[in-house]
């Protein structure tokens, strides 16, 4: 039997009960896969992050991520949460850590601010994996109750990834976005057809200062009906906008802020930076703040 500390953290916000909640176990050495799955199911957040020590040279630790039903290869908001907890416990000062994940070793930055910590995560390689066929797009619109007129013609419906794939669906109007009530069974069925579990619906129609896009993310096939603020959607969105030439980078760097979570009453803001040349993406990095909600212990 061993005692483990567990944190509940709200990411991409500095307000309690806003943003995206994640569980964090900052010293997970000794936990089995079954233990981690049980803890994630008990906390019932979209993801819980488990930080392990690492004996590998040049590696500062290892992160694993579990939804209430499955392990996933990477997670943006749970990484922001885990690095915030790490900074809270270790007080390392401004630093960059190399953390092993299922998609490789990623650079994660911690910067001290007067309000807390500003955390960055360099994501995995950006890829456009698949452009949905006319039939697949029709099935998706049917599941989301979208008409052809709702869809933004500038935005191809594509599966993209920085380590955990998402379907990008651009639509024209914010009121349509906020009114979405998907058929989750149909989204689950489509996930099996296109081999992608997450659907990120976004729009450029925003009245919020400093915000480029607003979005919503649905992933019922992995137990997440709706995710409030999604790092592994807003990050690859940046690569998608560049490689489809919807946005043009300035001096090979494209920065923007995305807003998500209004429909779930857990709004938050995520900052994204994309680097690349000649319309090809080199790196995608997400940034955000987080607030610790509570800390507890469990003996297993």
C-alpha atoms as a PDB file:
ATOM      1  CA  UNK A   1       0.000   0.000   0.000  1.00  0.00           C
ATOM      2  CA  UNK A   2       1.254   3.478  -0.894  1.00  0.00           C
ATOM      3  CA  UNK A   3      -0.187   6.951  -0.406  1.00  0.00           C
ATOM      4  CA  UNK A   4      -0.550   9.087  -3.556  1.00  0.00           C
ATOM      5  CA  UNK A   5      -1.314  12.790  -3.840  1.00  0.00           C
ATOM      6  CA  UNK A   6      -4.001  13.800  -6.327  1.00  0.00           C
ATOM      7  CA  UNK A   7      -4.693  17.312  -7.588  1.00  0.00           C
ATOM      8  CA  UNK A   8      -7.717  18.714  -9.380  1.00  0.00           C
ATOM      9  CA  UNK A   9      -6.628  21.531 -11.722  1.00  0.00           C
ATOM     10  CA  UNK A  10      -8.580  23.839 -14.035  1.00  0.00           C
ATOM     11  CA  UNK A  11      -6.525  24.545 -17.168  1.00  0.00           C
ATOM     12  CA  UNK A  12      -6.581  27.463 -19.616  1.00  0.00           C
ATOM     13  CA  UNK A  13      -8.054  29.738 -16.964  1.00  0.00           C
ATOM     14  CA  UNK A  14      -7.147  31.499 -13.724  1.00  0.00           C
ATOM     15  CA  UNK A  15     -10.691  31.236 -12.341  1.00  0.00           C
ATOM     16  CA  UNK A  16     -11.911  28.331 -10.271  1.00  0.00           C
ATOM     17  CA  UNK A  17     -14.546  26.177 -11.955  1.00  0.00           C
ATOM     18  CA  UNK A  18     -13.735  27.548 -15.428  1.00  0.00           C
ATOM     19  CA  UNK A  19     -11.547  26.135 -18.186  1.00  0.00           C
ATOM     20  CA  UNK A  20     -10.888  22.407 -18.524  1.00  0.00           C
ATOM     21  CA  UNK A  21     -10.571  20.292 -15.364  1.00  0.00           C
ATOM     22  CA  UNK A  22      -7.880  17.637 -15.181  1.00  0.00           C
ATOM     23  CA  UNK A  23      -6.692  15.266 -12.519  1.00  0.00           C
ATOM     24  CA  UNK A  24      -2.960  15.148 -11.804  1.00  0.00           C
ATOM     25  CA  UNK A  25      -0.976  12.526  -9.889  1.00  0.00           C
ATOM     26  CA  UNK A  26       2.478  14.146  -9.649  1.00  0.00           C
ATOM     27  CA  UNK A  27       4.346  11.113  -8.231  1.00  0.00           C
ATOM     28  CA  UNK A  28       2.805   8.134  -9.991  1.00  0.00           C
ATOM     29  CA  UNK A  29       5.696   5.660  -9.622  1.00  0.00           C
ATOM     30  CA  UNK A  30       4.281   2.307  -8.592  1.00  0.00           C
ATOM     31  CA  UNK A  31       0.804   2.703 -10.075  1.00  0.00           C
ATOM     32  CA  UNK A  32      -0.366  -0.028 -12.452  1.00  0.00           C
ATOM     33  CA  UNK A  33      -2.361   0.594 -15.620  1.00  0.00           C
ATOM     34  CA  UNK A  34      -5.436  -0.649 -13.768  1.00  0.00           C
ATOM     35  CA  UNK A  35      -4.787   1.741 -10.873  1.00  0.00           C
ATOM     36  CA  UNK A  36      -4.483   4.688 -13.242  1.00  0.00           C
ATOM     37  CA  UNK A  37      -7.641   3.760 -15.104  1.00  0.00           C
ATOM     38  CA  UNK A  38      -9.534   3.418 -11.804  1.00  0.00           C
ATOM     39  CA  UNK A  39      -8.318   6.812 -10.572  1.00  0.00           C
ATOM     40  CA  UNK A  40      -9.248   8.470 -13.885  1.00  0.00           C
ATOM     41  CA  UNK A  41     -12.700   6.894 -13.805  1.00  0.00           C
ATOM     42  CA  UNK A  42     -13.207   7.965 -10.189  1.00  0.00           C
ATOM     43  CA  UNK A  43     -12.201  11.591 -10.868  1.00  0.00           C
ATOM     44  CA  UNK A  44     -14.299  11.524 -14.058  1.00  0.00           C
ATOM     45  CA  UNK A  45     -12.452  14.379 -15.770  1.00  0.00           C
ATOM     46  CA  UNK A  46     -11.934  14.192 -19.520  1.00  0.00           C
ATOM     47  CA  UNK A  47      -8.303  13.296 -18.739  1.00  0.00           C
ATOM     48  CA  UNK A  48      -6.098  12.614 -15.733  1.00  0.00           C
ATOM     49  CA  UNK A  49      -2.310  12.962 -16.065  1.00  0.00           C
ATOM     50  CA  UNK A  50       0.173  10.711 -14.263  1.00  0.00           C
ATOM     51  CA  UNK A  51       3.753  11.956 -13.903  1.00  0.00           C
ATOM     52  CA  UNK A  52       6.472   9.324 -13.485  1.00  0.00           C
ATOM     53  CA  UNK A  53      10.166   9.736 -12.821  1.00  0.00           C
ATOM     54  CA  UNK A  54      12.516   8.786 -15.649  1.00  0.00           C
ATOM     55  CA  UNK A  55      15.908   7.131 -15.647  1.00  0.00           C
ATOM     56  CA  UNK A  56      16.530   8.031 -19.283  1.00  0.00           C
ATOM     57  CA  UNK A  57      19.355  10.459 -19.984  1.00  0.00           C
ATOM     58  CA  UNK A  58      18.071  13.880 -21.034  1.00  0.00           C
ATOM     59  CA  UNK A  59      14.510  13.084 -19.945  1.00  0.00           C
ATOM     60  CA  UNK A  60      12.984  14.834 -16.934  1.00  0.00           C
ATOM     61  CA  UNK A  61       9.972  12.570 -16.486  1.00  0.00           C
ATOM     62  CA  UNK A  62       7.195  10.674 -18.214  1.00  0.00           C
ATOM     63  CA  UNK A  63       3.519  11.581 -18.578  1.00  0.00           C
ATOM     64  CA  UNK A  64       0.656   9.193 -19.239  1.00  0.00           C
ATOM     65  CA  UNK A  65      -2.955  10.229 -19.752  1.00  0.00           C
ATOM     66  CA  UNK A  66      -6.226   8.411 -19.083  1.00  0.00           C
ATOM     67  CA  UNK A  67      -9.820   9.337 -19.867  1.00  0.00           C
ATOM     68  CA  UNK A  68     -12.486   7.657 -17.707  1.00  0.00           C
ATOM     69  CA  UNK A  69     -12.486   4.767 -20.201  1.00  0.00           C
ATOM     70  CA  UNK A  70      -9.133   4.528 -22.063  1.00  0.00           C
ATOM     71  CA  UNK A  71      -5.514   5.645 -22.146  1.00  0.00           C
ATOM     72  CA  UNK A  72      -4.781   8.340 -24.749  1.00  0.00           C
ATOM     73  CA  UNK A  73      -1.354   9.177 -26.221  1.00  0.00           C
ATOM     74  CA  UNK A  74      -1.247  12.857 -25.325  1.00  0.00           C
ATOM     75  CA  UNK A  75      -3.401  15.621 -23.861  1.00  0.00           C
ATOM     76  CA  UNK A  76      -2.928  19.382 -23.907  1.00  0.00           C
ATOM     77  CA  UNK A  77      -4.935  20.616 -20.935  1.00  0.00           C
ATOM     78  CA  UNK A  78      -3.772  17.770 -18.662  1.00  0.00           C
ATOM     79  CA  UNK A  79      -0.164  18.647 -19.559  1.00  0.00           C
ATOM     80  CA  UNK A  80      -0.739  22.300 -18.624  1.00  0.00           C
ATOM     81  CA  UNK A  81      -2.258  21.028 -15.367  1.00  0.00           C
ATOM     82  CA  UNK A  82       0.594  18.591 -14.651  1.00  0.00           C
ATOM     83  CA  UNK A  83       3.317  21.175 -15.263  1.00  0.00           C
ATOM     84  CA  UNK A  84       1.465  23.679 -13.074  1.00  0.00           C
ATOM     85  CA  UNK A  85       1.425  21.113 -10.262  1.00  0.00           C
ATOM     86  CA  UNK A  86       5.115  20.351 -10.889  1.00  0.00           C
ATOM     87  CA  UNK A  87       5.935  24.060 -10.616  1.00  0.00           C
ATOM     88  CA  UNK A  88       3.794  24.366  -7.468  1.00  0.00           C
ATOM     89  CA  UNK A  89       5.580  21.463  -5.767  1.00  0.00           C
ATOM     90  CA  UNK A  90       9.148  21.911  -7.046  1.00  0.00           C
ATOM     91  CA  UNK A  91       9.392  25.701  -7.535  1.00  0.00           C
ATOM     92  CA  UNK A  92      11.951  25.189 -10.341  1.00  0.00           C
ATOM     93  CA  UNK A  93      11.990  28.762 -11.621  1.00  0.00           C
ATOM     94  CA  UNK A  94      11.761  29.427 -15.339  1.00  0.00           C
ATOM     95  CA  UNK A  95      12.739  26.215 -17.111  1.00  0.00           C
ATOM     96  CA  UNK A  96      12.123  23.840 -19.990  1.00  0.00           C
ATOM     97  CA  UNK A  97      11.573  20.167 -19.228  1.00  0.00           C
ATOM     98  CA  UNK A  98      11.857  17.231 -21.613  1.00  0.00           C
ATOM     99  CA  UNK A  99       8.958  14.926 -20.820  1.00  0.00           C
ATOM    100  CA  UNK A 100       8.408  11.509 -22.394  1.00  0.00           C
ATOM    101  CA  UNK A 101       4.915  10.734 -23.720  1.00  0.00           C
ATOM    102  CA  UNK A 102       3.412   8.051 -25.950  1.00  0.00           C
ATOM    103  CA  UNK A 103       4.106  10.280 -28.984  1.00  0.00           C
ATOM    104  CA  UNK A 104       7.725  11.017 -28.075  1.00  0.00           C
ATOM    105  CA  UNK A 105       9.682  13.307 -25.775  1.00  0.00           C
ATOM    106  CA  UNK A 106       8.206  16.814 -25.797  1.00  0.00           C
ATOM    107  CA  UNK A 107       9.517  20.169 -24.562  1.00  0.00           C
ATOM    108  CA  UNK A 108       7.379  21.711 -21.824  1.00  0.00           C
ATOM    109  CA  UNK A 109       8.108  25.178 -20.515  1.00  0.00           C
ATOM    110  CA  UNK A 110       7.358  26.795 -17.157  1.00  0.00           C
ATOM    111  CA  UNK A 111       7.463  30.574 -16.732  1.00  0.00           C
ATOM    112  CA  UNK A 112       6.672  32.342 -13.467  1.00  0.00           C
ATOM    113  CA  UNK A 113       4.134  35.162 -13.609  1.00  0.00           C
ATOM    114  CA  UNK A 114       2.702  37.382 -10.902  1.00  0.00           C
ATOM    115  CA  UNK A 115      -0.586  35.512 -11.310  1.00  0.00           C
ATOM    116  CA  UNK A 116       0.993  32.046 -11.208  1.00  0.00           C
ATOM    117  CA  UNK A 117       2.630  30.022 -13.967  1.00  0.00           C
ATOM    118  CA  UNK A 118       2.442  30.251 -17.746  1.00  0.00           C
ATOM    119  CA  UNK A 119       3.037  26.791 -19.180  1.00  0.00           C
ATOM    120  CA  UNK A 120       3.886  25.743 -22.726  1.00  0.00           C
ATOM    121  CA  UNK A 121       3.760  22.383 -24.480  1.00  0.00           C
ATOM    122  CA  UNK A 122       5.443  21.750 -27.814  1.00  0.00           C
ATOM    123  CA  UNK A 123       3.169  19.223 -29.451  1.00  0.00           C
ATOM    124  CA  UNK A 124       3.985  16.320 -31.758  1.00  0.00           C
ATOM    125  CA  UNK A 125       4.467  16.502 -35.515  1.00  0.00           C
ATOM    126  CA  UNK A 126       1.610  18.221 -37.332  1.00  0.00           C
ATOM    127  CA  UNK A 127      -0.046  16.084 -40.002  1.00  0.00           C
ATOM    128  CA  UNK A 128      -3.079  16.284 -42.267  1.00  0.00           C
ATOM    129  CA  UNK A 129      -4.179  12.647 -42.203  1.00  0.00           C
ATOM    130  CA  UNK A 130      -7.362  12.582 -44.264  1.00  0.00           C
ATOM    131  CA  UNK A 131      -9.802  14.834 -46.079  1.00  0.00           C
ATOM    132  CA  UNK A 132     -13.331  13.598 -45.534  1.00  0.00           C
ATOM    133  CA  UNK A 133     -15.134  12.338 -48.616  1.00  0.00           C
ATOM    134  CA  UNK A 134     -18.463  13.807 -49.648  1.00  0.00           C
ATOM    135  CA  UNK A 135     -20.225  10.869 -48.005  1.00  0.00           C
ATOM    136  CA  UNK A 136     -18.212  11.142 -44.772  1.00  0.00           C
ATOM    137  CA  UNK A 137     -18.801  14.900 -44.616  1.00  0.00           C
ATOM    138  CA  UNK A 138     -22.521  14.313 -45.110  1.00  0.00           C
ATOM    139  CA  UNK A 139     -22.570  11.784 -42.240  1.00  0.00           C
ATOM    140  CA  UNK A 140     -20.736  14.262 -40.012  1.00  0.00           C
ATOM    141  CA  UNK A 141     -23.103  17.126 -40.803  1.00  0.00           C
ATOM    142  CA  UNK A 142     -26.022  14.802 -40.124  1.00  0.00           C
ATOM    143  CA  UNK A 143     -24.582  13.889 -36.713  1.00  0.00           C
ATOM    144  CA  UNK A 144     -23.999  17.564 -35.871  1.00  0.00           C
ATOM    145  CA  UNK A 145     -27.304  18.750 -37.399  1.00  0.00           C
ATOM    146  CA  UNK A 146     -25.430  21.139 -39.680  1.00  0.00           C
ATOM    147  CA  UNK A 147     -26.606  22.189 -43.129  1.00  0.00           C
ATOM    148  CA  UNK A 148     -24.285  22.744 -46.084  1.00  0.00           C
ATOM    149  CA  UNK A 149     -24.925  26.471 -45.672  1.00  0.00           C
ATOM    150  CA  UNK A 150     -23.563  26.359 -42.112  1.00  0.00           C
ATOM    151  CA  UNK A 151     -20.137  25.087 -43.192  1.00  0.00           C
ATOM    152  CA  UNK A 152     -17.387  27.632 -43.963  1.00  0.00           C
ATOM    153  CA  UNK A 153     -16.366  27.036 -47.598  1.00  0.00           C
ATOM    154  CA  UNK A 154     -12.805  28.170 -46.887  1.00  0.00           C
ATOM    155  CA  UNK A 155     -12.262  25.258 -44.507  1.00  0.00           C
ATOM    156  CA  UNK A 156     -11.861  21.683 -45.798  1.00  0.00           C
ATOM    157  CA  UNK A 157     -13.186  19.065 -43.387  1.00  0.00           C
ATOM    158  CA  UNK A 158     -10.024  17.174 -42.479  1.00  0.00           C
ATOM    159  CA  UNK A 159      -8.546  14.844 -39.890  1.00  0.00           C
ATOM    160  CA  UNK A 160      -5.400  16.512 -38.523  1.00  0.00           C
ATOM    161  CA  UNK A 161      -3.063  15.627 -35.702  1.00  0.00           C
ATOM    162  CA  UNK A 162      -0.230  16.706 -33.465  1.00  0.00           C
ATOM    163  CA  UNK A 163      -0.273  13.293 -31.784  1.00  0.00           C
ATOM    164  CA  UNK A 164      -3.992  12.713 -31.120  1.00  0.00           C
ATOM    165  CA  UNK A 165      -6.121  13.280 -34.215  1.00  0.00           C
ATOM    166  CA  UNK A 166      -9.140  15.562 -34.488  1.00  0.00           C
ATOM    167  CA  UNK A 167     -11.592  16.370 -37.288  1.00  0.00           C
ATOM    168  CA  UNK A 168     -11.596  20.093 -38.124  1.00  0.00           C
ATOM    169  CA  UNK A 169     -15.003  21.516 -39.077  1.00  0.00           C
ATOM    170  CA  UNK A 170     -15.166  25.239 -39.800  1.00  0.00           C
ATOM    171  CA  UNK A 171     -18.603  26.872 -39.638  1.00  0.00           C
ATOM    172  CA  UNK A 172     -19.783  30.408 -40.304  1.00  0.00           C
ATOM    173  CA  UNK A 173     -21.747  31.507 -37.261  1.00  0.00           C
ATOM    174  CA  UNK A 174     -21.133  31.560 -33.501  1.00  0.00           C
ATOM    175  CA  UNK A 175     -24.828  31.193 -32.709  1.00  0.00           C
ATOM    176  CA  UNK A 176     -24.895  27.929 -34.681  1.00  0.00           C
ATOM    177  CA  UNK A 177     -21.769  26.764 -32.842  1.00  0.00           C
ATOM    178  CA  UNK A 178     -23.249  27.428 -29.413  1.00  0.00           C
ATOM    179  CA  UNK A 179     -26.559  25.784 -30.329  1.00  0.00           C
ATOM    180  CA  UNK A 180     -25.005  22.465 -31.430  1.00  0.00           C
ATOM    181  CA  UNK A 181     -26.593  19.384 -29.843  1.00  0.00           C
ATOM    182  CA  UNK A 182     -24.924  16.424 -31.596  1.00  0.00           C
ATOM    183  CA  UNK A 183     -26.199  12.908 -32.061  1.00  0.00           C
ATOM    184  CA  UNK A 184     -23.430  11.229 -30.053  1.00  0.00           C
ATOM    185  CA  UNK A 185     -24.284   7.727 -31.278  1.00  0.00           C
ATOM    186  CA  UNK A 186     -23.792   8.850 -34.878  1.00  0.00           C
ATOM    187  CA  UNK A 187     -20.481  10.502 -33.968  1.00  0.00           C
ATOM    188  CA  UNK A 188     -19.340   7.224 -32.378  1.00  0.00           C
ATOM    189  CA  UNK A 189     -20.299   5.319 -35.523  1.00  0.00           C
ATOM    190  CA  UNK A 190     -18.437   7.803 -37.725  1.00  0.00           C
ATOM    191  CA  UNK A 191     -15.340   7.486 -35.520  1.00  0.00           C
ATOM    192  CA  UNK A 192     -15.126   3.826 -36.519  1.00  0.00           C
ATOM    193  CA  UNK A 193     -15.378   4.744 -40.214  1.00  0.00           C
ATOM    194  CA  UNK A 194     -12.779   7.530 -40.302  1.00  0.00           C
ATOM    195  CA  UNK A 195     -10.554   6.261 -37.461  1.00  0.00           C
ATOM    196  CA  UNK A 196     -10.764   9.519 -35.521  1.00  0.00           C
ATOM    197  CA  UNK A 197     -12.457  10.027 -32.167  1.00  0.00           C
ATOM    198  CA  UNK A 198     -12.554  13.818 -31.804  1.00  0.00           C
ATOM    199  CA  UNK A 199     -14.555  16.486 -33.656  1.00  0.00           C
ATOM    200  CA  UNK A 200     -13.529  20.130 -33.312  1.00  0.00           C
ATOM    201  CA  UNK A 201     -16.108  22.586 -34.635  1.00  0.00           C
ATOM    202  CA  UNK A 202     -14.762  26.151 -34.869  1.00  0.00           C
ATOM    203  CA  UNK A 203     -15.715  29.558 -36.215  1.00  0.00           C
ATOM    204  CA  UNK A 204     -14.000  32.874 -36.894  1.00  0.00           C
ATOM    205  CA  UNK A 205     -17.239  34.631 -35.885  1.00  0.00           C
ATOM    206  CA  UNK A 206     -16.259  36.105 -32.523  1.00  0.00           C
ATOM    207  CA  UNK A 207     -16.764  39.402 -30.736  1.00  0.00           C
ATOM    208  CA  UNK A 208     -14.115  38.718 -28.084  1.00  0.00           C
ATOM    209  CA  UNK A 209     -11.055  40.952 -28.062  1.00  0.00           C
ATOM    210  CA  UNK A 210      -7.803  39.198 -28.945  1.00  0.00           C
ATOM    211  CA  UNK A 211      -9.558  35.978 -29.972  1.00  0.00           C
ATOM    212  CA  UNK A 212      -9.300  34.516 -33.494  1.00  0.00           C
ATOM    213  CA  UNK A 213     -11.536  31.455 -33.151  1.00  0.00           C
ATOM    214  CA  UNK A 214     -14.221  29.999 -30.933  1.00  0.00           C
ATOM    215  CA  UNK A 215     -14.769  26.260 -30.828  1.00  0.00           C
ATOM    216  CA  UNK A 216     -16.383  23.169 -29.349  1.00  0.00           C
ATOM    217  CA  UNK A 217     -14.954  19.641 -29.176  1.00  0.00           C
ATOM    218  CA  UNK A 218     -16.859  16.344 -29.033  1.00  0.00           C
ATOM    219  CA  UNK A 219     -15.296  12.900 -28.493  1.00  0.00           C
ATOM    220  CA  UNK A 220     -17.991  10.428 -27.384  1.00  0.00           C
ATOM    221  CA  UNK A 221     -16.065   7.407 -28.721  1.00  0.00           C
ATOM    222  CA  UNK A 222     -13.518   7.812 -25.893  1.00  0.00           C
ATOM    223  CA  UNK A 223     -16.029   8.749 -23.204  1.00  0.00           C
ATOM    224  CA  UNK A 224     -15.918  12.544 -23.630  1.00  0.00           C
ATOM    225  CA  UNK A 225     -19.229  13.977 -24.802  1.00  0.00           C
ATOM    226  CA  UNK A 226     -17.853  17.519 -24.821  1.00  0.00           C
ATOM    227  CA  UNK A 227     -14.440  18.799 -23.779  1.00  0.00           C
ATOM    228  CA  UNK A 228     -14.408  22.384 -22.461  1.00  0.00           C
ATOM    229  CA  UNK A 229     -11.013  23.734 -23.711  1.00  0.00           C
ATOM    230  CA  UNK A 230      -8.903  21.396 -25.820  1.00  0.00           C
ATOM    231  CA  UNK A 231      -5.147  21.708 -26.354  1.00  0.00           C
ATOM    232  CA  UNK A 232      -5.020  18.870 -28.875  1.00  0.00           C
ATOM    233  CA  UNK A 233      -7.661  20.618 -30.977  1.00  0.00           C
ATOM    234  CA  UNK A 234      -6.625  24.281 -30.851  1.00  0.00           C
ATOM    235  CA  UNK A 235      -2.953  23.383 -31.396  1.00  0.00           C
ATOM    236  CA  UNK A 236      -3.448  21.393 -34.602  1.00  0.00           C
ATOM    237  CA  UNK A 237      -6.026  23.990 -35.685  1.00  0.00           C
ATOM    238  CA  UNK A 238      -3.084  26.376 -36.008  1.00  0.00           C
ATOM    239  CA  UNK A 239      -1.238  23.980 -38.321  1.00  0.00           C
ATOM    240  CA  UNK A 240      -4.432  23.350 -40.290  1.00  0.00           C
ATOM    241  CA  UNK A 241      -4.963  27.090 -40.861  1.00  0.00           C
ATOM    242  CA  UNK A 242      -1.409  27.522 -42.173  1.00  0.00           C
ATOM    243  CA  UNK A 243      -1.160  24.445 -44.396  1.00  0.00           C
ATOM    244  CA  UNK A 244      -4.563  25.170 -45.950  1.00  0.00           C
ATOM    245  CA  UNK A 245      -3.461  28.802 -46.474  1.00  0.00           C
ATOM    246  CA  UNK A 246      -6.471  30.115 -44.567  1.00  0.00           C
ATOM    247  CA  UNK A 247      -4.120  32.262 -42.483  1.00  0.00           C
ATOM    248  CA  UNK A 248      -0.706  33.657 -43.439  1.00  0.00           C
ATOM    249  CA  UNK A 249       2.145  33.627 -40.894  1.00  0.00           C
ATOM    250  CA  UNK A 250       4.190  36.762 -40.266  1.00  0.00           C
ATOM    251  CA  UNK A 251       7.924  36.056 -40.615  1.00  0.00           C
ATOM    252  CA  UNK A 252       7.308  32.288 -40.463  1.00  0.00           C
ATOM    253  CA  UNK A 253       5.512  32.514 -37.096  1.00  0.00           C
ATOM    254  CA  UNK A 254       1.738  32.434 -36.632  1.00  0.00           C
ATOM    255  CA  UNK A 255       0.271  33.205 -33.218  1.00  0.00           C
ATOM    256  CA  UNK A 256      -3.352  33.298 -32.184  1.00  0.00           C
ATOM    257  CA  UNK A 257      -5.668  32.770 -29.223  1.00  0.00           C
ATOM    258  CA  UNK A 258      -8.648  30.434 -29.216  1.00  0.00           C
ATOM    259  CA  UNK A 259     -11.695  30.561 -26.963  1.00  0.00           C
ATOM    260  CA  UNK A 260     -13.674  27.475 -25.998  1.00  0.00           C
ATOM    261  CA  UNK A 261     -16.059  26.229 -23.319  1.00  0.00           C
ATOM    262  CA  UNK A 262     -18.899  28.745 -23.395  1.00  0.00           C
ATOM    263  CA  UNK A 263     -21.556  26.095 -24.071  1.00  0.00           C
ATOM    264  CA  UNK A 264     -20.369  24.021 -21.097  1.00  0.00           C
ATOM    265  CA  UNK A 265     -20.173  27.115 -18.849  1.00  0.00           C
ATOM    266  CA  UNK A 266     -16.428  26.460 -18.467  1.00  0.00           C
ATOM    267  CA  UNK A 267     -14.873  29.062 -20.783  1.00  0.00           C
ATOM    268  CA  UNK A 268     -11.142  29.349 -21.227  1.00  0.00           C
ATOM    269  CA  UNK A 269      -8.432  30.780 -23.483  1.00  0.00           C
ATOM    270  CA  UNK A 270      -5.554  28.962 -25.122  1.00  0.00           C
ATOM    271  CA  UNK A 271      -2.615  30.565 -26.918  1.00  0.00           C
ATOM    272  CA  UNK A 272      -1.071  28.840 -29.929  1.00  0.00           C
ATOM    273  CA  UNK A 273       2.184  29.402 -31.822  1.00  0.00           C
ATOM    274  CA  UNK A 274       2.976  27.751 -35.153  1.00  0.00           C
ATOM    275  CA  UNK A 275       6.362  27.997 -36.852  1.00  0.00           C
ATOM    276  CA  UNK A 276       7.146  26.983 -40.413  1.00  0.00           C
ATOM    277  CA  UNK A 277       8.281  28.045 -43.844  1.00  0.00           C
ATOM    278  CA  UNK A 278       6.668  28.007 -47.296  1.00  0.00           C
ATOM    279  CA  UNK A 279       3.296  27.089 -45.857  1.00  0.00           C
ATOM    280  CA  UNK A 280       4.612  23.947 -44.134  1.00  0.00           C
ATOM    281  CA  UNK A 281       4.401  23.553 -40.364  1.00  0.00           C
ATOM    282  CA  UNK A 282       7.561  22.876 -38.350  1.00  0.00           C
ATOM    283  CA  UNK A 283       6.341  23.166 -34.746  1.00  0.00           C
ATOM    284  CA  UNK A 284       3.084  23.698 -32.881  1.00  0.00           C
ATOM    285  CA  UNK A 285       3.201  24.973 -29.295  1.00  0.00           C
ATOM    286  CA  UNK A 286       0.301  25.661 -26.957  1.00  0.00           C
ATOM    287  CA  UNK A 287       0.384  27.966 -23.931  1.00  0.00           C
ATOM    288  CA  UNK A 288      -1.877  28.510 -20.973  1.00  0.00           C
ATOM    289  CA  UNK A 289      -2.364  29.153 -17.296  1.00  0.00           C
ATOM    290  CA  UNK A 290      -4.098  26.970 -14.722  1.00  0.00           C
ATOM    291  CA  UNK A 291      -5.439  27.099 -11.185  1.00  0.00           C
ATOM    292  CA  UNK A 292      -5.315  24.333  -8.567  1.00  0.00           C
ATOM    293  CA  UNK A 293      -8.805  23.583  -7.273  1.00  0.00           C
ATOM    294  CA  UNK A 294      -7.981  21.060  -4.563  1.00  0.00           C
ATOM    295  CA  UNK A 295      -5.457  18.492  -3.362  1.00  0.00           C
ATOM    296  CA  UNK A 296      -6.207  15.149  -1.721  1.00  0.00           C
ATOM    297  CA  UNK A 297      -4.664  11.748  -1.051  1.00  0.00           C
ATOM    298  CA  UNK A 298      -5.474   8.153  -1.840  1.00  0.00           C
ATOM    299  CA  UNK A 299      -3.904   4.967  -0.524  1.00  0.00           C
ATOM    300  CA  UNK A 300      -3.649   2.073  -2.957  1.00  0.00           C
END
